[in-house]
Amino acid sequence: MSSKRAFPPPRTQVVLALTLLSATSCVSWKVIVDGEINQELVDLVVEGVAFEMELEPTAPIPVAILHRDEIDASFFYESGGLHDPRDPDRARAETAMGIRSRTDPDAEFGVEVRSRVLRGLYRSVDRTVYYVPEPPVSSSGVQFIDPWAAAADEYILAHEVVHAFQHQHYPQYFEPDELWAEQFDARRALHATIEGVADYYAARSMWFMGEPIHPDERDSQRPRPSALDEEHPLMQAGLRFSYDHGYRLAYRNGLALLDDPPASTEQVMKARDTDRREAFDAISLSELEGRFEEAGCRRLHANTLGAFGISIWLQSLGVDTSTSAGKGWNGDRWIAFDCYGRVVTAWLSTWDYPAAAMHFAGRVRRASEQMRLRRSIASDWTVTRHGLDVLATSYHRLLAPEEVLSAARRARVVTRDELAAHFAPTRTDP
């Protein structure tokens, strides 16, 4: 349970008092002084974040220096930020689905890019905030030095400190849980929540900058040049999704967002227009597993792409370049098996209206061809439409449409709790 501060004084009074105090003190606004973390600044940042979030830290928040050349892939996976894509079964399954090409999986998940551009990181395994002193670097080697370096560095520190508060008061989102390992869409929606809250409360804690900017104004601002500008547009979209959409959620809902995070990326994206969250179909294909095991096959991986994931997937294959390619999504689930060395897949999606299902079926057929041409993936999908459902299956006697549709177990869900309850009976506890 979160330990809330009791009856905080009016924000304007506290902001004025602390701003005057910090302005007249001898505290340096540099994060690193004489080669070490500036603990006085850290203490001020923690105090400011604690006040704005109305939470008390339950343990000290260590801050350490992390040099850019010390960052590697294992650092990201161990931090809990990514479900390790190096798992060989997952890699084979996602390659067969066209989600990744036959290349280094670290590159597929933007690890190299993240290592070049990040300035701060909260690592959940050691509950430590890491500050990267070196400036971000573009793919061509250009360094990007912020003209407002002192304020930017304090904001980076505050953002990561908010993550530490989130971990202390909402540990369920930071501790490993097997159930969510195969819920990519829900994980991305949660990531938008966590990053949006961090962005919002970091902005609130920067008292001398005034009130946090409105999301509409933030979206309309001309973006400043950054080290991400040279990256592929899809890489940029994937990395920026949580920050672009999460801030709007947090601006509207504040800390209450962590009490009830969105359960899908569709809910995240539609928050621009409405606070009402739409229900969607949670689909489990676990009943196929027994049939395939009896046939001598082995389960590799299962997951949900979601509205945003489908949009990125279609764009990556050049099938649909619009950012609304997942419009009309109402749920999906895919599963992959190893059958005597051959990967077979089944992907069931459902849509809000017939036209969306029809259009998606056509896109999947074109995507299957592009998987062969662009990624040398021997896709043998058969794509069929059944009312609002679209089914893409490899050729296998157990993947006849009637077999897959009868095995699909569905539930209408709105919340993460409802989503978890639907998949909980099929989970495998570690």
Foldseek 3Di string as FASTA:
>chain_A
DFDFAPPDPDPVVVLVVLVVVVVPDPQDLDQDDPRFGRVVLLVLLLVLLCSLQRTDDPDDAAEGEDELVNDDDVQCCQQVVDPDCVPVLNVVQCLLVLLDFPDDVCVSQCSVQCSQADQWDQRLVVNYIYGYPFAHAAPVGDGDDDPPNSLVSQLRSSLNSLVSVCCRRPVVLRDDDQLCSFEVFQNLQVLLQSNLLSNQSSQSSSSVVPHDDALVVVVPDDDDDGSCPPPDPLSVCSVCVSHSQSVNVCVVPPPVCSVFTWRGVVQSVCVVPDPDFFWAKEKDLCLLQVVVVVVVKAWRGKHWCGLQSVQSSLVVLVLDVDNRLSPFWRTKMKTWIQDPNDIKMKIKTFGNAQVNQVVVLVSVVVSQVSSCVPRVNNHQWDWDDDGRMIMTIHDDPCVDPVNRVVSMDIDIDTTPVVSCVSCVVVGDDD
